[in-house]
Amino acid sequence: MQNFSNRLGGQDLTTFRDTVGAKRALEDDKETLEAGFANAKRIRAMRMSTALKTKLASVEGAACSMGGSLLSSFVKKNERKSEERRAEEKKRRREEIATREARYLADKAEAAESRHQEKLEREERAHRDCNESRAHAGVGHADQRDQEERVRQGGRKRGEAQKDVVVGPAA
């Protein structure tokens, strides 16, 4: 017998025989090769169901991880909002403190000015009262000094009548 065929393009028949496979496709599992049609169908259905289960588990895992990332994004957003609120509150407190401080300094300056004006008015009134009492009593500067000296020494000259003594301001 000849080892080649003209119909097959002049190839060696032994190599052709070795390359031609079975009618069914080669599968990794020997169970489906040896089993009948019903068993092979059942085995393929179980494989498909396990593949679908693993795919469903991976999709659920992705959804859970996405839900977790969604939850973490909400948490981060809330944290950011609370940080912004705290910063706004801190800024508002600083502004209130600055306003209070400015108001305090303005009130303090106004009170100091008021005290200064009152002091000037008191001094002016005392000076005016002193001048009026001198003019009214007719006492000159020299007589007034003598009279103040006698009051400081604790008494009056003998034989001197009791008079109302007006002493100038203590300032």
N, C-alpha and C. Protein backbone atom coordinates (compact mmCIF):
# COMPACT_ATOMS: atom_id res chain seq x y z
N MET A 1 0.83 -1.17 0.00
CA MET A 1 0.00 0.00 0.00
C MET A 1 0.88 1.24 0.00
N GLN A 2 0.32 2.31 -0.56
CA GLN A 2 1.08 3.54 -0.68
C GLN A 2 0.94 4.38 0.58
N ASN A 3 1.96 5.13 0.89
CA ASN A 3 1.95 5.97 2.09
C ASN A 3 1.48 7.40 1.79
N PHE A 4 1.13 7.71 0.57
CA PHE A 4 0.67 9.06 0.26
C PHE A 4 -0.55 8.97 -0.65
N SER A 5 -1.31 10.09 -0.76
CA SER A 5 -2.52 10.10 -1.56
C SER A 5 -2.53 11.38 -2.38
N ASN A 6 -2.93 11.23 -3.67
CA ASN A 6 -3.01 12.40 -4.54
C ASN A 6 -4.19 13.29 -4.14
N ARG A 7 -5.25 12.70 -3.61
CA ARG A 7 -6.42 13.48 -3.23
C ARG A 7 -6.13 14.40 -2.04
N LEU A 8 -5.23 14.04 -1.22
CA LEU A 8 -4.90 14.83 -0.04
C LEU A 8 -3.71 15.74 -0.31
N GLY A 9 -3.38 15.95 -1.51
CA GLY A 9 -2.32 16.87 -1.88
C GLY A 9 -0.96 16.23 -1.80
N GLY A 10 -0.90 14.90 -1.85
CA GLY A 10 0.36 14.20 -1.85
C GLY A 10 1.01 14.13 -0.48
N GLN A 11 0.21 14.21 0.59
CA GLN A 11 0.77 14.15 1.95
C GLN A 11 0.89 12.71 2.40
N ASP A 12 1.70 12.55 3.43
CA ASP A 12 1.89 11.23 4.01
C ASP A 12 0.64 10.86 4.79
N LEU A 13 0.09 9.65 4.55
CA LEU A 13 -1.16 9.23 5.17
C LEU A 13 -1.00 8.97 6.67
N THR A 14 0.15 8.54 7.10
CA THR A 14 0.34 8.25 8.52
C THR A 14 0.28 9.53 9.36
N THR A 15 0.83 10.62 8.87
CA THR A 15 0.75 11.89 9.60
C THR A 15 -0.66 12.43 9.59
N PHE A 16 -1.39 12.20 8.47
CA PHE A 16 -2.77 12.64 8.40
C PHE A 16 -3.62 11.89 9.41
N ARG A 17 -3.37 10.59 9.55
CA ARG A 17 -4.13 9.77 10.49
C ARG A 17 -3.90 10.24 11.92
N ASP A 18 -2.69 10.62 12.24
CA ASP A 18 -2.38 11.04 13.60
C ASP A 18 -2.96 12.42 13.94
N THR A 19 -3.11 13.29 12.96
CA THR A 19 -3.61 14.64 13.22
C THR A 19 -5.12 14.71 13.28
N VAL A 20 -5.82 13.83 12.61
CA VAL A 20 -7.28 13.86 12.62
C VAL A 20 -7.74 13.36 13.99
N GLY A 21 -8.61 14.17 14.65
CA GLY A 21 -9.07 13.83 16.00
C GLY A 21 -10.39 13.13 15.98
N ALA A 22 -10.97 13.03 17.16
CA ALA A 22 -12.27 12.38 17.32
C ALA A 22 -13.35 13.31 16.77
N LYS A 23 -14.55 12.75 16.65
CA LYS A 23 -15.65 13.54 16.12
C LYS A 23 -16.03 14.67 17.09
N ARG A 24 -15.95 14.39 18.35
CA ARG A 24 -16.24 15.41 19.36
C ARG A 24 -14.97 16.18 19.68
N ALA A 25 -15.13 17.44 20.16
CA ALA A 25 -13.97 18.24 20.54
C ALA A 25 -13.37 17.66 21.81
N LEU A 26 -12.08 17.73 21.90
CA LEU A 26 -11.40 17.21 23.08
C LEU A 26 -11.70 18.11 24.27
N GLU A 27 -12.12 17.52 25.38
CA GLU A 27 -12.39 18.27 26.58
C GLU A 27 -11.43 17.82 27.65
N ASP A 28 -11.26 18.67 28.65
CA ASP A 28 -10.33 18.35 29.72
C ASP A 28 -10.84 17.23 30.60
N ASP A 29 -12.14 17.13 30.72
CA ASP A 29 -12.71 16.14 31.63
C ASP A 29 -13.06 14.87 30.87
N LYS A 30 -12.61 13.75 31.37
CA LYS A 30 -12.87 12.46 30.73
C LYS A 30 -14.30 12.00 30.99
N GLU A 31 -14.97 12.57 32.00
CA GLU A 31 -16.33 12.13 32.33
C GLU A 31 -17.27 12.35 31.16
N THR A 32 -17.16 13.49 30.49
CA THR A 32 -18.07 13.78 29.40
C THR A 32 -17.76 12.95 28.16
N LEU A 33 -16.55 12.51 27.99
CA LEU A 33 -16.20 11.68 26.84
C LEU A 33 -16.81 10.29 26.97
N GLU A 34 -16.78 9.77 28.18
CA GLU A 34 -17.25 8.40 28.38
C GLU A 34 -18.74 8.34 28.70
N ALA A 35 -19.32 9.47 29.19
CA ALA A 35 -20.72 9.44 29.59
C ALA A 35 -21.62 9.54 28.37
N GLY A 36 -22.89 9.20 28.61
CA GLY A 36 -23.87 9.31 27.54
C GLY A 36 -24.32 10.76 27.41
N PHE A 37 -25.26 10.98 26.49
CA PHE A 37 -25.74 12.32 26.20
C PHE A 37 -26.37 12.97 27.43
N ALA A 38 -27.21 12.27 28.17
CA ALA A 38 -27.90 12.83 29.33
C ALA A 38 -26.91 13.20 30.43
N ASN A 39 -25.96 12.30 30.67
CA ASN A 39 -24.95 12.59 31.70
C ASN A 39 -24.08 13.79 31.29
N ALA A 40 -23.69 13.86 30.05
CA ALA A 40 -22.87 14.97 29.57
C ALA A 40 -23.62 16.29 29.70
N LYS A 41 -24.93 16.25 29.39
CA LYS A 41 -25.74 17.46 29.50
C LYS A 41 -25.84 17.90 30.96
N ARG A 42 -26.03 16.96 31.88
CA ARG A 42 -26.13 17.27 33.30
C ARG A 42 -24.81 17.85 33.80
N ILE A 43 -23.69 17.28 33.39
CA ILE A 43 -22.37 17.76 33.83
C ILE A 43 -22.13 19.18 33.31
N ARG A 44 -22.49 19.44 32.03
CA ARG A 44 -22.33 20.79 31.48
C ARG A 44 -23.23 21.79 32.20
N ALA A 45 -24.42 21.39 32.58
CA ALA A 45 -25.34 22.29 33.30
C ALA A 45 -24.78 22.63 34.68
N MET A 46 -24.19 21.62 35.35
CA MET A 46 -23.59 21.89 36.67
C MET A 46 -22.41 22.86 36.54
N ARG A 47 -21.61 22.67 35.52
CA ARG A 47 -20.48 23.58 35.30
C ARG A 47 -20.96 25.00 35.04
N MET A 48 -22.00 25.13 34.21
CA MET A 48 -22.54 26.46 33.92
C MET A 48 -23.12 27.11 35.18
N SER A 49 -23.80 26.31 36.01
CA SER A 49 -24.39 26.88 37.23
C SER A 49 -23.29 27.31 38.20
N THR A 50 -22.21 26.54 38.33
CA THR A 50 -21.11 26.96 39.21
C THR A 50 -20.43 28.20 38.66
N ALA A 51 -20.29 28.28 37.33
CA ALA A 51 -19.69 29.48 36.72
C ALA A 51 -20.57 30.70 36.98
N LEU A 52 -21.89 30.53 36.84
CA LEU A 52 -22.80 31.64 37.12
C LEU A 52 -22.76 32.04 38.59
N LYS A 53 -22.66 31.04 39.49
CA LYS A 53 -22.58 31.34 40.92
C LYS A 53 -21.32 32.14 41.25
N THR A 54 -20.20 31.74 40.66
CA THR A 54 -18.95 32.48 40.93
C THR A 54 -19.03 33.89 40.35
N LYS A 55 -19.65 34.01 39.16
CA LYS A 55 -19.80 35.34 38.57
C LYS A 55 -20.72 36.21 39.42
N LEU A 56 -21.81 35.64 39.94
CA LEU A 56 -22.72 36.36 40.81
C LEU A 56 -22.01 36.79 42.09
N ALA A 57 -21.20 35.90 42.65
CA ALA A 57 -20.46 36.25 43.87
C ALA A 57 -19.49 37.39 43.61
N SER A 58 -18.82 37.36 42.45
CA SER A 58 -17.88 38.45 42.14
C SER A 58 -18.63 39.76 41.92
N VAL A 59 -19.80 39.71 41.28
CA VAL A 59 -20.60 40.93 41.07
C VAL A 59 -21.09 41.46 42.41
N GLU A 60 -21.56 40.56 43.29
CA GLU A 60 -22.01 40.99 44.62
C GLU A 60 -20.85 41.59 45.41
N GLY A 61 -19.68 40.97 45.31
CA GLY A 61 -18.50 41.52 45.99
C GLY A 61 -18.16 42.90 45.48
N ALA A 62 -18.25 43.08 44.17
CA ALA A 62 -17.98 44.40 43.58
C ALA A 62 -19.03 45.40 44.05
N ALA A 63 -20.30 44.96 44.12
CA ALA A 63 -21.36 45.86 44.58
C ALA A 63 -21.14 46.23 46.04
N CYS A 64 -20.74 45.24 46.84
CA CYS A 64 -20.48 45.53 48.25
C CYS A 64 -19.31 46.49 48.40
N SER A 65 -18.27 46.23 47.63
CA SER A 65 -17.12 47.13 47.72
C SER A 65 -17.48 48.52 47.21
N MET A 66 -18.33 48.57 46.18
CA MET A 66 -18.76 49.86 45.69
C MET A 66 -19.66 50.54 46.72
N GLY A 67 -20.52 49.75 47.37
CA GLY A 67 -21.35 50.30 48.44
C GLY A 67 -20.50 50.81 49.57
N GLY A 68 -19.45 50.09 49.90
CA GLY A 68 -18.52 50.54 50.93
C GLY A 68 -17.82 51.81 50.53
N SER A 69 -17.43 51.88 49.26
CA SER A 69 -16.78 53.10 48.80
C SER A 69 -17.78 54.25 48.76
N LEU A 70 -19.03 53.94 48.44
CA LEU A 70 -20.07 54.96 48.44
C LEU A 70 -20.30 55.46 49.86
N LEU A 71 -20.34 54.52 50.80
CA LEU A 71 -20.50 54.90 52.20
C LEU A 71 -19.31 55.72 52.67
N SER A 72 -18.11 55.30 52.29
CA SER A 72 -16.93 56.06 52.71
C SER A 72 -16.93 57.46 52.07
N SER A 73 -17.44 57.56 50.84
CA SER A 73 -17.51 58.89 50.22
C SER A 73 -18.50 59.78 50.96
N PHE A 74 -19.63 59.20 51.41
CA PHE A 74 -20.59 59.97 52.22
C PHE A 74 -19.95 60.41 53.53
N VAL A 75 -19.21 59.50 54.16
CA VAL A 75 -18.55 59.83 55.42
C VAL A 75 -17.54 60.95 55.21
N LYS A 76 -16.75 60.84 54.15
CA LYS A 76 -15.77 61.89 53.85
C LYS A 76 -16.45 63.23 53.58
N LYS A 77 -17.56 63.18 52.85
CA LYS A 77 -18.30 64.41 52.55
C LYS A 77 -18.82 65.05 53.83
N ASN A 78 -19.37 64.22 54.73
CA ASN A 78 -19.86 64.75 56.01
C ASN A 78 -18.72 65.31 56.84
N GLU A 79 -17.57 64.63 56.84
CA GLU A 79 -16.41 65.13 57.58
C GLU A 79 -15.96 66.48 57.02
N ARG A 80 -15.94 66.58 55.70
CA ARG A 80 -15.54 67.83 55.06
C ARG A 80 -16.50 68.96 55.44
N LYS A 81 -17.81 68.64 55.43
CA LYS A 81 -18.80 69.66 55.80
C LYS A 81 -18.62 70.09 57.25
N SER A 82 -18.37 69.12 58.13
CA SER A 82 -18.20 69.48 59.55
C SER A 82 -16.93 70.29 59.74
N GLU A 83 -15.86 69.97 59.01
CA GLU A 83 -14.64 70.77 59.09
C GLU A 83 -14.90 72.20 58.61
N GLU A 84 -15.67 72.33 57.53
CA GLU A 84 -16.00 73.67 57.03
C GLU A 84 -16.83 74.44 58.06
N ARG A 85 -17.80 73.74 58.70
CA ARG A 85 -18.61 74.39 59.73
C ARG A 85 -17.75 74.83 60.90
N ARG A 86 -16.82 73.95 61.33
CA ARG A 86 -15.93 74.32 62.44
C ARG A 86 -15.07 75.51 62.07
N ALA A 87 -14.53 75.53 60.86
CA ALA A 87 -13.70 76.66 60.42
C ALA A 87 -14.53 77.94 60.38
N GLU A 88 -15.77 77.84 59.88
CA GLU A 88 -16.65 79.01 59.83
C GLU A 88 -16.96 79.51 61.23
N GLU A 89 -17.23 78.57 62.15
CA GLU A 89 -17.53 78.94 63.54
C GLU A 89 -16.32 79.60 64.19
N LYS A 90 -15.15 79.06 63.93
CA LYS A 90 -13.92 79.63 64.49
C LYS A 90 -13.69 81.05 63.96
N LYS A 91 -13.91 81.23 62.66
CA LYS A 91 -13.75 82.55 62.05
C LYS A 91 -14.75 83.54 62.65
N ARG A 92 -16.01 83.09 62.82
CA ARG A 92 -17.04 83.95 63.39
C ARG A 92 -16.69 84.33 64.82
N ARG A 93 -16.17 83.35 65.61
CA ARG A 93 -15.78 83.65 66.99
C ARG A 93 -14.65 84.67 67.03
N ARG A 94 -13.65 84.50 66.13
CA ARG A 94 -12.54 85.47 66.08
C ARG A 94 -13.05 86.87 65.75
N GLU A 95 -13.98 86.95 64.80
CA GLU A 95 -14.54 88.26 64.44
C GLU A 95 -15.31 88.86 65.61
N GLU A 96 -16.08 88.04 66.34
CA GLU A 96 -16.81 88.54 67.50
C GLU A 96 -15.86 89.04 68.57
N ILE A 97 -14.78 88.31 68.79
CA ILE A 97 -13.79 88.72 69.80
C ILE A 97 -13.15 90.04 69.38
N ALA A 98 -12.80 90.17 68.10
CA ALA A 98 -12.20 91.41 67.61
C ALA A 98 -13.18 92.58 67.76
N THR A 99 -14.45 92.33 67.46
CA THR A 99 -15.47 93.37 67.60
C THR A 99 -15.62 93.78 69.06
N ARG A 100 -15.69 92.76 69.94
CA ARG A 100 -15.80 93.06 71.37
C ARG A 100 -14.61 93.84 71.88
N GLU A 101 -13.41 93.46 71.43
CA GLU A 101 -12.18 94.14 71.85
C GLU A 101 -12.19 95.59 71.38
N ALA A 102 -12.60 95.81 70.13
CA ALA A 102 -12.66 97.18 69.60
C ALA A 102 -13.69 98.01 70.38
N ARG A 103 -14.85 97.40 70.67
CA ARG A 103 -15.88 98.11 71.45
C ARG A 103 -15.36 98.43 72.84
N TYR A 104 -14.65 97.48 73.46
CA TYR A 104 -14.09 97.69 74.80
C TYR A 104 -13.09 98.85 74.79
N LEU A 105 -12.19 98.86 73.79
CA LEU A 105 -11.20 99.93 73.71
C LEU A 105 -11.86 101.29 73.46
N ALA A 106 -12.90 101.31 72.62
CA ALA A 106 -13.61 102.57 72.35
C ALA A 106 -14.30 103.06 73.62
N ASP A 107 -14.95 102.15 74.35
CA ASP A 107 -15.61 102.54 75.61
C ASP A 107 -14.60 103.02 76.63
N LYS A 108 -13.45 102.35 76.68
CA LYS A 108 -12.40 102.74 77.63
C LYS A 108 -11.88 104.14 77.31
N ALA A 109 -11.63 104.40 76.02
CA ALA A 109 -11.15 105.73 75.62
C ALA A 109 -12.21 106.80 75.91
N GLU A 110 -13.47 106.46 75.66
CA GLU A 110 -14.55 107.41 75.93
C GLU A 110 -14.66 107.70 77.42
N ALA A 111 -14.53 106.67 78.26
CA ALA A 111 -14.60 106.86 79.71
C ALA A 111 -13.42 107.71 80.19
N ALA A 112 -12.23 107.46 79.64
CA ALA A 112 -11.06 108.24 80.03
C ALA A 112 -11.25 109.71 79.65
N GLU A 113 -11.77 109.93 78.45
CA GLU A 113 -12.03 111.30 78.01
C GLU A 113 -13.07 111.97 78.90
N SER A 114 -14.11 111.22 79.25
CA SER A 114 -15.16 111.77 80.12
C SER A 114 -14.58 112.12 81.49
N ARG A 115 -13.76 111.22 82.06
CA ARG A 115 -13.13 111.51 83.36
C ARG A 115 -12.24 112.74 83.27
N HIS A 116 -11.50 112.86 82.19
CA HIS A 116 -10.62 114.01 82.00
C HIS A 116 -11.44 115.31 81.93
N GLN A 117 -12.53 115.28 81.18
CA GLN A 117 -13.39 116.47 81.07
C GLN A 117 -14.00 116.83 82.43
N GLU A 118 -14.46 115.81 83.17
CA GLU A 118 -15.03 116.07 84.49
C GLU A 118 -13.99 116.66 85.43
N LYS A 119 -12.75 116.16 85.36
CA LYS A 119 -11.68 116.69 86.21
C LYS A 119 -11.42 118.15 85.88
N LEU A 120 -11.34 118.46 84.58
CA LEU A 120 -11.13 119.85 84.17
C LEU A 120 -12.27 120.74 84.66
N GLU A 121 -13.50 120.25 84.54
CA GLU A 121 -14.64 121.04 85.00
C GLU A 121 -14.59 121.25 86.51
N ARG A 122 -14.23 120.21 87.27
CA ARG A 122 -14.12 120.35 88.73
C ARG A 122 -13.06 121.36 89.11
N GLU A 123 -11.89 121.27 88.45
CA GLU A 123 -10.82 122.22 88.74
C GLU A 123 -11.25 123.65 88.41
N GLU A 124 -11.91 123.80 87.26
CA GLU A 124 -12.36 125.13 86.87
C GLU A 124 -13.41 125.65 87.86
N ARG A 125 -14.35 124.79 88.27
CA ARG A 125 -15.38 125.19 89.22
C ARG A 125 -14.76 125.55 90.57
N ALA A 126 -13.79 124.77 91.03
CA ALA A 126 -13.12 125.05 92.30
C ALA A 126 -12.37 126.36 92.23
N HIS A 127 -11.68 126.61 91.12
CA HIS A 127 -10.96 127.86 90.94
C HIS A 127 -11.93 129.04 90.94
N ARG A 128 -13.06 128.87 90.23
CA ARG A 128 -14.06 129.92 90.18
C ARG A 128 -14.67 130.17 91.57
N ASP A 129 -14.97 129.06 92.29
CA ASP A 129 -15.52 129.20 93.65
C ASP A 129 -14.53 129.90 94.57
N CYS A 130 -13.28 129.58 94.44
CA CYS A 130 -12.24 130.20 95.26
C CYS A 130 -12.17 131.70 94.98
N ASN A 131 -12.17 132.04 93.71
CA ASN A 131 -12.13 133.47 93.34
C ASN A 131 -13.37 134.20 93.83
N GLU A 132 -14.54 133.55 93.70
CA GLU A 132 -15.77 134.18 94.17
C GLU A 132 -15.76 134.37 95.68
N SER A 133 -15.27 133.38 96.40
CA SER A 133 -15.24 133.49 97.87
C SER A 133 -14.26 134.57 98.30
N ARG A 134 -13.18 134.73 97.61
CA ARG A 134 -12.22 135.80 97.92
C ARG A 134 -12.85 137.16 97.68
N ALA A 135 -13.50 137.24 96.54
CA ALA A 135 -14.12 138.53 96.20
C ALA A 135 -15.26 138.83 97.17
N HIS A 136 -15.98 137.80 97.55
CA HIS A 136 -17.12 137.98 98.44
C HIS A 136 -16.67 138.31 99.87
N ALA A 137 -15.62 137.68 100.32
CA ALA A 137 -15.13 137.90 101.69
C ALA A 137 -14.24 139.13 101.76
N GLY A 138 -13.72 139.55 100.64
CA GLY A 138 -12.84 140.71 100.64
C GLY A 138 -11.48 140.39 101.20
N VAL A 139 -11.10 139.19 101.16
CA VAL A 139 -9.81 138.77 101.71
C VAL A 139 -8.81 138.72 100.58
N GLY A 140 -7.65 139.32 100.80
CA GLY A 140 -6.59 139.32 99.80
C GLY A 140 -5.73 138.07 99.92
N HIS A 141 -4.77 138.01 99.09
CA HIS A 141 -3.91 136.84 99.10
C HIS A 141 -3.09 136.75 100.38
N ALA A 142 -2.55 137.84 100.81
CA ALA A 142 -1.70 137.82 102.02
C ALA A 142 -2.54 137.47 103.24
N ASP A 143 -3.73 138.08 103.37
CA ASP A 143 -4.60 137.78 104.50
C ASP A 143 -5.04 136.32 104.46
N GLN A 144 -5.30 135.80 103.27
CA GLN A 144 -5.75 134.41 103.16
C GLN A 144 -4.66 133.46 103.61
N ARG A 145 -3.41 133.74 103.21
CA ARG A 145 -2.30 132.87 103.61
C ARG A 145 -2.14 132.89 105.13
N ASP A 146 -2.25 134.08 105.73
CA ASP A 146 -2.13 134.18 107.19
C ASP A 146 -3.24 133.38 107.87
N GLN A 147 -4.43 133.49 107.33
CA GLN A 147 -5.56 132.81 107.93
C GLN A 147 -5.40 131.29 107.79
N GLU A 148 -4.95 130.81 106.64
CA GLU A 148 -4.73 129.38 106.43
C GLU A 148 -3.65 128.87 107.36
N GLU A 149 -2.62 129.67 107.58
CA GLU A 149 -1.53 129.30 108.49
C GLU A 149 -2.05 129.16 109.91
N ARG A 150 -2.88 130.08 110.35
CA ARG A 150 -3.45 130.00 111.69
C ARG A 150 -4.33 128.76 111.85
N VAL A 151 -5.09 128.43 110.81
CA VAL A 151 -5.95 127.24 110.89
C VAL A 151 -5.09 125.99 111.00
N ARG A 152 -3.99 125.95 110.28
CA ARG A 152 -3.09 124.80 110.34
C ARG A 152 -2.45 124.69 111.71
N GLN A 153 -2.17 125.81 112.33
CA GLN A 153 -1.52 125.79 113.65
C GLN A 153 -2.52 125.45 114.75
N GLY A 154 -3.77 125.43 114.42
CA GLY A 154 -4.75 124.97 115.37
C GLY A 154 -5.48 126.04 116.13
N GLY A 155 -5.37 127.24 115.83
CA GLY A 155 -6.12 128.23 116.58
C GLY A 155 -6.09 129.58 115.94
N ARG A 156 -6.71 130.52 116.66
CA ARG A 156 -6.76 131.89 116.16
C ARG A 156 -6.03 132.78 117.15
N LYS A 157 -5.80 133.98 116.75
CA LYS A 157 -5.16 134.94 117.66
C LYS A 157 -6.15 135.30 118.76
N ARG A 158 -5.61 135.66 119.90
CA ARG A 158 -6.49 136.02 121.00
C ARG A 158 -7.23 137.29 120.68
N GLY A 159 -8.46 137.26 121.07
CA GLY A 159 -9.26 138.45 120.89
C GLY A 159 -9.82 138.57 119.49
N GLU A 160 -9.56 137.63 118.67
CA GLU A 160 -10.06 137.69 117.31
C GLU A 160 -11.45 137.10 117.27
N ALA A 161 -12.35 137.73 116.57
CA ALA A 161 -13.73 137.26 116.50
C ALA A 161 -13.80 136.01 115.62
N GLN A 162 -14.82 135.21 115.90
CA GLN A 162 -15.02 133.98 115.14
C GLN A 162 -15.51 134.35 113.75
N LYS A 163 -14.78 133.93 112.70
CA LYS A 163 -15.18 134.20 111.32
C LYS A 163 -15.25 132.87 110.58
N ASP A 164 -16.04 132.86 109.56
CA ASP A 164 -16.06 131.67 108.71
C ASP A 164 -14.83 131.72 107.82
N VAL A 165 -14.08 130.65 107.86
CA VAL A 165 -12.86 130.60 107.08
C VAL A 165 -13.12 129.75 105.85
N VAL A 166 -12.81 130.29 104.73
CA VAL A 166 -12.95 129.55 103.49
C VAL A 166 -11.56 129.23 103.00
N VAL A 167 -11.28 127.96 102.90
CA VAL A 167 -9.96 127.53 102.47
C VAL A 167 -10.06 127.12 101.00
N GLY A 168 -9.03 127.43 100.25
CA GLY A 168 -9.02 127.12 98.82
C GLY A 168 -9.06 125.62 98.56
N PRO A 169 -9.12 125.27 97.33
CA PRO A 169 -9.22 123.84 96.98
C PRO A 169 -7.96 123.08 97.40
N ALA A 170 -8.17 121.81 97.71
CA ALA A 170 -7.07 120.97 98.19
C ALA A 170 -6.23 120.46 97.04
N ALA A 171 -6.65 120.68 95.87
CA ALA A 171 -5.92 120.18 94.73
C ALA A 171 -4.73 121.03 94.55
